[in-house]
Amino acid sequence: MTASKLIVIAAIMASASAFAPAPAFNRLSTAVRAEEEPKKGSGGMYDTRDPEEFVDEDARKSISAAPSFEEYMKQRAAEQ
């Protein structure tokens, strides 16, 4: 075989993976379950979906209380 035939065969075999079926998406693997404890992520932070209000000496670490949805909608209406 010549070198050009080997290159063509290698290119065809390498591109065959583009036509392979994608892995099935599993919703259970991405679901957030309430009974599980929060897990530490790759950035070193824990998943906190609804954090409690917290006041720290360093203001950057404090978490203020979030307004209720009704309060938010009133504030938004007042801004417009």
PDB file of N, CA and C in Angstrom:
ATOM      1  N   MET A   1       0.847  -1.186   0.000  1.00  0.00           N
ATOM      2  CA  MET A   1       0.000   0.000   0.000  1.00  0.00           C
ATOM      3  C   MET A   1       0.885   1.239   0.000  1.00  0.00           C
ATOM      4  N   THR A   2       0.390   2.221  -0.609  1.00  0.00           N
ATOM      5  CA  THR A   2       1.151   3.462  -0.653  1.00  0.00           C
ATOM      6  C   THR A   2       0.823   4.308   0.563  1.00  0.00           C
ATOM      7  N   ALA A   3       1.642   5.302   0.795  1.00  0.00           N
ATOM      8  CA  ALA A   3       1.459   6.174   1.961  1.00  0.00           C
ATOM      9  C   ALA A   3       0.152   6.947   1.880  1.00  0.00           C
ATOM     10  N   SER A   4      -0.264   7.338   0.688  1.00  0.00           N
ATOM     11  CA  SER A   4      -1.510   8.109   0.555  1.00  0.00           C
ATOM     12  C   SER A   4      -2.721   7.257   0.908  1.00  0.00           C
ATOM     13  N   LYS A   5      -2.682   5.953   0.566  1.00  0.00           N
ATOM     14  CA  LYS A   5      -3.790   5.063   0.918  1.00  0.00           C
ATOM     15  C   LYS A   5      -3.862   4.886   2.432  1.00  0.00           C
ATOM     16  N   LEU A   6      -2.724   4.760   3.090  1.00  0.00           N
ATOM     17  CA  LEU A   6      -2.705   4.617   4.543  1.00  0.00           C
ATOM     18  C   LEU A   6      -3.258   5.868   5.229  1.00  0.00           C
ATOM     19  N   ILE A   7      -2.925   7.032   4.688  1.00  0.00           N
ATOM     20  CA  ILE A   7      -3.424   8.289   5.262  1.00  0.00           C
ATOM     21  C   ILE A   7      -4.937   8.390   5.107  1.00  0.00           C
ATOM     22  N   VAL A   8      -5.433   7.990   3.929  1.00  0.00           N
ATOM     23  CA  VAL A   8      -6.882   8.036   3.684  1.00  0.00           C
ATOM     24  C   VAL A   8      -7.605   7.069   4.606  1.00  0.00           C
ATOM     25  N   ILE A   9      -7.090   5.869   4.771  1.00  0.00           N
ATOM     26  CA  ILE A   9      -7.716   4.870   5.648  1.00  0.00           C
ATOM     27  C   ILE A   9      -7.698   5.356   7.102  1.00  0.00           C
ATOM     28  N   ALA A  10      -6.588   5.940   7.535  1.00  0.00           N
ATOM     29  CA  ALA A  10      -6.502   6.452   8.902  1.00  0.00           C
ATOM     30  C   ALA A  10      -7.479   7.600   9.122  1.00  0.00           C
ATOM     31  N   ALA A  11      -7.645   8.461   8.130  1.00  0.00           N
ATOM     32  CA  ALA A  11      -8.581   9.574   8.249  1.00  0.00           C
ATOM     33  C   ALA A  11     -10.017   9.077   8.322  1.00  0.00           C
ATOM     34  N   ILE A  12     -10.360   8.083   7.546  1.00  0.00           N
ATOM     35  CA  ILE A  12     -11.722   7.523   7.571  1.00  0.00           C
ATOM     36  C   ILE A  12     -11.997   6.872   8.915  1.00  0.00           C
ATOM     37  N   MET A  13     -11.044   6.127   9.441  1.00  0.00           N
ATOM     38  CA  MET A  13     -11.247   5.470  10.729  1.00  0.00           C
ATOM     39  C   MET A  13     -11.348   6.493  11.862  1.00  0.00           C
ATOM     40  N   ALA A  14     -10.566   7.566  11.785  1.00  0.00           N
ATOM     41  CA  ALA A  14     -10.605   8.581  12.835  1.00  0.00           C
ATOM     42  C   ALA A  14     -11.918   9.354  12.810  1.00  0.00           C
ATOM     43  N   SER A  15     -12.482   9.575  11.633  1.00  0.00           N
ATOM     44  CA  SER A  15     -13.728  10.345  11.547  1.00  0.00           C
ATOM     45  C   SER A  15     -14.958   9.491  11.838  1.00  0.00           C
ATOM     46  N   ALA A  16     -14.805   8.181  11.921  1.00  0.00           N
ATOM     47  CA  ALA A  16     -15.946   7.311  12.189  1.00  0.00           C
ATOM     48  C   ALA A  16     -16.538   7.570  13.567  1.00  0.00           C
ATOM     49  N   SER A  17     -15.761   8.054  14.503  1.00  0.00           N
ATOM     50  CA  SER A  17     -16.290   8.315  15.842  1.00  0.00           C
ATOM     51  C   SER A  17     -17.289   9.468  15.850  1.00  0.00           C
ATOM     52  N   ALA A  18     -17.269  10.314  14.832  1.00  0.00           N
ATOM     53  CA  ALA A  18     -18.226  11.419  14.749  1.00  0.00           C
ATOM     54  C   ALA A  18     -19.641  10.903  14.532  1.00  0.00           C
ATOM     55  N   PHE A  19     -19.775   9.698  14.000  1.00  0.00           N
ATOM     56  CA  PHE A  19     -21.087   9.135  13.721  1.00  0.00           C
ATOM     57  C   PHE A  19     -21.554   8.162  14.796  1.00  0.00           C
ATOM     58  N   ALA A  20     -20.811   8.031  15.866  1.00  0.00           N
ATOM     59  CA  ALA A  20     -21.198   7.142  16.961  1.00  0.00           C
ATOM     60  C   ALA A  20     -22.358   7.780  17.721  1.00  0.00           C
ATOM     61  N   PRO A  21     -23.292   6.982  18.221  1.00  0.00           N
ATOM     62  CA  PRO A  21     -24.428   7.556  18.954  1.00  0.00           C
ATOM     63  C   PRO A  21     -23.969   8.209  20.256  1.00  0.00           C
ATOM     64  N   ALA A  22     -24.633   9.294  20.607  1.00  0.00           N
ATOM     65  CA  ALA A  22     -24.307  10.004  21.838  1.00  0.00           C
ATOM     66  C   ALA A  22     -24.810   9.200  23.030  1.00  0.00           C
ATOM     67  N   PRO A  23     -24.153   9.293  24.166  1.00  0.00           N
ATOM     68  CA  PRO A  23     -24.646   8.577  25.346  1.00  0.00           C
ATOM     69  C   PRO A  23     -26.000   9.132  25.778  1.00  0.00           C
ATOM     70  N   ALA A  24     -26.831   8.266  26.313  1.00  0.00           N
ATOM     71  CA  ALA A  24     -28.175   8.663  26.729  1.00  0.00           C
ATOM     72  C   ALA A  24     -28.095   9.630  27.904  1.00  0.00           C
ATOM     73  N   PHE A  25     -28.962  10.649  27.882  1.00  0.00           N
ATOM     74  CA  PHE A  25     -29.029  11.626  28.970  1.00  0.00           C
ATOM     75  C   PHE A  25     -29.858  11.044  30.097  1.00  0.00           C
ATOM     76  N   ASN A  26     -29.327  11.101  31.290  1.00  0.00           N
ATOM     77  CA  ASN A  26     -30.014  10.544  32.443  1.00  0.00           C
ATOM     78  C   ASN A  26     -30.409  11.674  33.381  1.00  0.00           C
ATOM     79  N   ARG A  27     -31.696  11.956  33.511  1.00  0.00           N
ATOM     80  CA  ARG A  27     -32.158  13.042  34.369  1.00  0.00           C
ATOM     81  C   ARG A  27     -31.888  12.761  35.852  1.00  0.00           C
ATOM     82  N   LEU A  28     -31.857  11.515  36.229  1.00  0.00           N
ATOM     83  CA  LEU A  28     -31.637  11.189  37.634  1.00  0.00           C
ATOM     84  C   LEU A  28     -30.231  11.556  38.091  1.00  0.00           C
ATOM     85  N   SER A  29     -29.295  11.525  37.173  1.00  0.00           N
ATOM     86  CA  SER A  29     -27.925  11.840  37.562  1.00  0.00           C
ATOM     87  C   SER A  29     -27.735  13.327  37.817  1.00  0.00           C
ATOM     88  N   THR A  30     -28.604  14.166  37.256  1.00  0.00           N
ATOM     89  CA  THR A  30     -28.478  15.608  37.428  1.00  0.00           C
ATOM     90  C   THR A  30     -29.498  16.189  38.397  1.00  0.00           C
ATOM     91  N   ALA A  31     -30.413  15.374  38.894  1.00  0.00           N
ATOM     92  CA  ALA A  31     -31.459  15.862  39.789  1.00  0.00           C
ATOM     93  C   ALA A  31     -30.890  16.195  41.164  1.00  0.00           C
ATOM     94  N   VAL A  32     -31.439  17.230  41.780  1.00  0.00           N
ATOM     95  CA  VAL A  32     -31.042  17.611  43.134  1.00  0.00           C
ATOM     96  C   VAL A  32     -32.027  16.955  44.086  1.00  0.00           C
ATOM     97  N   ARG A  33     -31.523  16.140  44.955  1.00  0.00           N
ATOM     98  CA  ARG A  33     -32.389  15.423  45.899  1.00  0.00           C
ATOM     99  C   ARG A  33     -32.334  16.122  47.246  1.00  0.00           C
ATOM    100  N   ALA A  34     -33.502  16.372  47.826  1.00  0.00           N
ATOM    101  CA  ALA A  34     -33.592  17.127  49.073  1.00  0.00           C
ATOM    102  C   ALA A  34     -33.018  16.355  50.259  1.00  0.00           C
ATOM    103  N   GLU A  35     -33.064  15.022  50.229  1.00  0.00           N
ATOM    104  CA  GLU A  35     -32.612  14.258  51.384  1.00  0.00           C
ATOM    105  C   GLU A  35     -31.094  14.125  51.455  1.00  0.00           C
ATOM    106  N   GLU A  36     -30.391  14.495  50.401  1.00  0.00           N
ATOM    107  CA  GLU A  36     -28.941  14.397  50.410  1.00  0.00           C
ATOM    108  C   GLU A  36     -28.312  15.642  51.015  1.00  0.00           C
ATOM    109  N   GLU A  37     -27.180  15.466  51.630  1.00  0.00           N
ATOM    110  CA  GLU A  37     -26.425  16.589  52.167  1.00  0.00           C
ATOM    111  C   GLU A  37     -25.764  17.336  51.017  1.00  0.00           C
ATOM    112  N   PRO A  38     -25.549  18.641  51.168  1.00  0.00           N
ATOM    113  CA  PRO A  38     -24.850  19.358  50.097  1.00  0.00           C
ATOM    114  C   PRO A  38     -23.442  18.819  49.917  1.00  0.00           C
ATOM    115  N   LYS A  39     -22.999  18.782  48.684  1.00  0.00           N
ATOM    116  CA  LYS A  39     -21.687  18.226  48.381  1.00  0.00           C
ATOM    117  C   LYS A  39     -20.717  19.339  48.049  1.00  0.00           C
ATOM    118  N   LYS A  40     -19.483  19.124  48.408  1.00  0.00           N
ATOM    119  CA  LYS A  40     -18.442  20.101  48.144  1.00  0.00           C
ATOM    120  C   LYS A  40     -18.055  20.030  46.675  1.00  0.00           C
ATOM    121  N   GLY A  41     -18.121  21.160  45.981  1.00  0.00           N
ATOM    122  CA  GLY A  41     -17.818  21.214  44.561  1.00  0.00           C
ATOM    123  C   GLY A  41     -16.333  21.324  44.298  1.00  0.00           C
ATOM    124  N   SER A  42     -15.990  21.356  43.029  1.00  0.00           N
ATOM    125  CA  SER A  42     -14.581  21.404  42.645  1.00  0.00           C
ATOM    126  C   SER A  42     -13.918  22.716  43.037  1.00  0.00           C
ATOM    127  N   GLY A  43     -14.694  23.765  43.214  1.00  0.00           N
ATOM    128  CA  GLY A  43     -14.136  25.049  43.615  1.00  0.00           C
ATOM    129  C   GLY A  43     -13.980  25.178  45.117  1.00  0.00           C
ATOM    130  N   GLY A  44     -14.339  24.130  45.855  1.00  0.00           N
ATOM    131  CA  GLY A  44     -14.214  24.154  47.307  1.00  0.00           C
ATOM    132  C   GLY A  44     -15.428  24.738  48.012  1.00  0.00           C
ATOM    133  N   MET A  45     -16.476  25.064  47.255  1.00  0.00           N
ATOM    134  CA  MET A  45     -17.678  25.648  47.842  1.00  0.00           C
ATOM    135  C   MET A  45     -18.775  24.590  47.932  1.00  0.00           C
ATOM    136  N   TYR A  46     -19.650  24.730  48.921  1.00  0.00           N
ATOM    137  CA  TYR A  46     -20.767  23.821  49.078  1.00  0.00           C
ATOM    138  C   TYR A  46     -21.987  24.371  48.346  1.00  0.00           C
ATOM    139  N   ASP A  47     -22.842  23.482  47.864  1.00  0.00           N
ATOM    140  CA  ASP A  47     -24.053  23.864  47.164  1.00  0.00           C
ATOM    141  C   ASP A  47     -25.075  24.351  48.186  1.00  0.00           C
ATOM    142  N   THR A  48     -25.390  25.633  48.172  1.00  0.00           N
ATOM    143  CA  THR A  48     -26.380  26.197  49.089  1.00  0.00           C
ATOM    144  C   THR A  48     -27.472  26.855  48.266  1.00  0.00           C
ATOM    145  N   ARG A  49     -28.578  26.189  48.145  1.00  0.00           N
ATOM    146  CA  ARG A  49     -29.682  26.682  47.327  1.00  0.00           C
ATOM    147  C   ARG A  49     -30.472  27.766  48.048  1.00  0.00           C
ATOM    148  N   ASP A  50     -30.662  27.640  49.346  1.00  0.00           N
ATOM    149  CA  ASP A  50     -31.459  28.593  50.103  1.00  0.00           C
ATOM    150  C   ASP A  50     -30.733  28.869  51.420  1.00  0.00           C
ATOM    151  N   PRO A  51     -29.706  29.701  51.381  1.00  0.00           N
ATOM    152  CA  PRO A  51     -28.912  29.908  52.586  1.00  0.00           C
ATOM    153  C   PRO A  51     -29.660  30.726  53.644  1.00  0.00           C
ATOM    154  N   GLU A  52     -29.356  30.443  54.884  1.00  0.00           N
ATOM    155  CA  GLU A  52     -29.919  31.209  55.998  1.00  0.00           C
ATOM    156  C   GLU A  52     -29.186  32.542  56.102  1.00  0.00           C
ATOM    157  N   GLU A  53     -29.859  33.521  56.707  1.00  0.00           N
ATOM    158  CA  GLU A  53     -29.233  34.817  56.909  1.00  0.00           C
ATOM    159  C   GLU A  53     -28.069  34.654  57.878  1.00  0.00           C
ATOM    160  N   PHE A  54     -26.956  35.313  57.563  1.00  0.00           N
ATOM    161  CA  PHE A  54     -25.755  35.159  58.376  1.00  0.00           C
ATOM    162  C   PHE A  54     -24.997  36.474  58.375  1.00  0.00           C
ATOM    163  N   VAL A  55     -24.617  36.949  59.570  1.00  0.00           N
ATOM    164  CA  VAL A  55     -23.857  38.189  59.691  1.00  0.00           C
ATOM    165  C   VAL A  55     -22.472  37.847  60.222  1.00  0.00           C
ATOM    166  N   ASP A  56     -21.457  38.243  59.466  1.00  0.00           N
ATOM    167  CA  ASP A  56     -20.079  37.981  59.834  1.00  0.00           C
ATOM    168  C   ASP A  56     -19.372  39.315  60.065  1.00  0.00           C
ATOM    169  N   GLU A  57     -18.253  39.275  60.789  1.00  0.00           N
ATOM    170  CA  GLU A  57     -17.484  40.498  61.002  1.00  0.00           C
ATOM    171  C   GLU A  57     -17.006  41.067  59.663  1.00  0.00           C
ATOM    172  N   ASP A  58     -16.625  40.197  58.767  1.00  0.00           N
ATOM    173  CA  ASP A  58     -16.221  40.604  57.424  1.00  0.00           C
ATOM    174  C   ASP A  58     -17.485  40.703  56.571  1.00  0.00           C
ATOM    175  N   ALA A  59     -17.829  41.888  56.112  1.00  0.00           N
ATOM    176  CA  ALA A  59     -19.076  42.107  55.369  1.00  0.00           C
ATOM    177  C   ALA A  59     -19.141  41.275  54.094  1.00  0.00           C
ATOM    178  N   ARG A  60     -17.996  40.927  53.521  1.00  0.00           N
ATOM    179  CA  ARG A  60     -17.997  40.132  52.291  1.00  0.00           C
ATOM    180  C   ARG A  60     -18.497  38.718  52.526  1.00  0.00           C
ATOM    181  N   LYS A  61     -18.438  38.239  53.760  1.00  0.00           N
ATOM    182  CA  LYS A  61     -18.866  36.879  54.072  1.00  0.00           C
ATOM    183  C   LYS A  61     -20.302  36.814  54.574  1.00  0.00           C
ATOM    184  N   SER A  62     -20.935  37.966  54.778  1.00  0.00           N
ATOM    185  CA  SER A  62     -22.299  38.007  55.285  1.00  0.00           C
ATOM    186  C   SER A  62     -23.300  37.672  54.187  1.00  0.00           C
ATOM    187  N   ILE A  63     -24.425  37.088  54.606  1.00  0.00           N
ATOM    188  CA  ILE A  63     -25.514  36.758  53.688  1.00  0.00           C
ATOM    189  C   ILE A  63     -26.745  37.489  54.195  1.00  0.00           C
ATOM    190  N   SER A  64     -27.279  38.404  53.393  1.00  0.00           N
ATOM    191  CA  SER A  64     -28.457  39.146  53.815  1.00  0.00           C
ATOM    192  C   SER A  64     -29.714  38.343  53.510  1.00  0.00           C
ATOM    193  N   ALA A  65     -30.795  38.691  54.220  1.00  0.00           N
ATOM    194  CA  ALA A  65     -32.061  38.002  54.015  1.00  0.00           C
ATOM    195  C   ALA A  65     -32.635  38.410  52.665  1.00  0.00           C
ATOM    196  N   ALA A  66     -33.130  37.452  51.936  1.00  0.00           N
ATOM    197  CA  ALA A  66     -33.721  37.731  50.628  1.00  0.00           C
ATOM    198  C   ALA A  66     -35.172  38.164  50.806  1.00  0.00           C
ATOM    199  N   PRO A  67     -35.639  39.087  49.966  1.00  0.00           N
ATOM    200  CA  PRO A  67     -37.040  39.493  50.067  1.00  0.00           C
ATOM    201  C   PRO A  67     -37.947  38.371  49.565  1.00  0.00           C
ATOM    202  N   SER A  68     -39.193  38.388  50.036  1.00  0.00           N
ATOM    203  CA  SER A  68     -40.150  37.407  49.535  1.00  0.00           C
ATOM    204  C   SER A  68     -40.486  37.755  48.087  1.00  0.00           C
ATOM    205  N   PHE A  69     -41.136  36.853  47.405  1.00  0.00           N
ATOM    206  CA  PHE A  69     -41.484  37.102  46.013  1.00  0.00           C
ATOM    207  C   PHE A  69     -42.426  38.292  45.899  1.00  0.00           C
ATOM    208  N   GLU A  70     -43.352  38.399  46.831  1.00  0.00           N
ATOM    209  CA  GLU A  70     -44.304  39.517  46.820  1.00  0.00           C
ATOM    210  C   GLU A  70     -43.569  40.850  47.006  1.00  0.00           C
ATOM    211  N   GLU A  71     -42.628  40.894  47.947  1.00  0.00           N
ATOM    212  CA  GLU A  71     -41.839  42.108  48.158  1.00  0.00           C
ATOM    213  C   GLU A  71     -41.014  42.447  46.923  1.00  0.00           C
ATOM    214  N   TYR A  72     -40.452  41.439  46.304  1.00  0.00           N
ATOM    215  CA  TYR A  72     -39.654  41.650  45.100  1.00  0.00           C
ATOM    216  C   TYR A  72     -40.508  42.246  43.985  1.00  0.00           C
ATOM    217  N   MET A  73     -41.713  41.714  43.796  1.00  0.00           N
ATOM    218  CA  MET A  73     -42.578  42.208  42.732  1.00  0.00           C
ATOM    219  C   MET A  73     -43.013  43.649  42.999  1.00  0.00           C
ATOM    220  N   LYS A  74     -43.268  43.993  44.264  1.00  0.00           N
ATOM    221  CA  LYS A  74     -43.621  45.369  44.594  1.00  0.00           C
ATOM    222  C   LYS A  74     -42.453  46.311  44.314  1.00  0.00           C
ATOM    223  N   GLN A  75     -41.254  45.899  44.692  1.00  0.00           N
ATOM    224  CA  GLN A  75     -40.061  46.718  44.450  1.00  0.00           C
ATOM    225  C   GLN A  75     -39.831  46.881  42.943  1.00  0.00           C
ATOM    226  N   ARG A  76     -40.025  45.842  42.211  1.00  0.00           N
ATOM    227  CA  ARG A  76     -39.824  45.894  40.757  1.00  0.00           C
ATOM    228  C   ARG A  76     -40.843  46.806  40.098  1.00  0.00           C
ATOM    229  N   ALA A  77     -42.100  46.741  40.560  1.00  0.00           N
ATOM    230  CA  ALA A  77     -43.142  47.601  40.007  1.00  0.00           C
ATOM    231  C   ALA A  77     -42.862  49.069  40.322  1.00  0.00           C
ATOM    232  N   ALA A  78     -42.309  49.338  41.501  1.00  0.00           N
ATOM    233  CA  ALA A  78     -42.004  50.712  41.903  1.00  0.00           C
ATOM    234  C   ALA A  78     -40.856  51.296  41.074  1.00  0.00           C
ATOM    235  N   GLU A  79     -39.941  50.466  40.619  1.00  0.00           N
ATOM    236  CA  GLU A  79     -38.799  50.926  39.840  1.00  0.00           C
ATOM    237  C   GLU A  79     -39.196  51.318  38.421  1.00  0.00           C
ATOM    238  N   GLN A  80     -40.312  50.778  37.930  1.00  0.00           N
ATOM    239  CA  GLN A  80     -40.704  51.036  36.529  1.00  0.00           C
ATOM    240  C   GLN A  80     -41.564  52.236  36.380  1.00  0.00           C
TER     241      GLN A  80
END
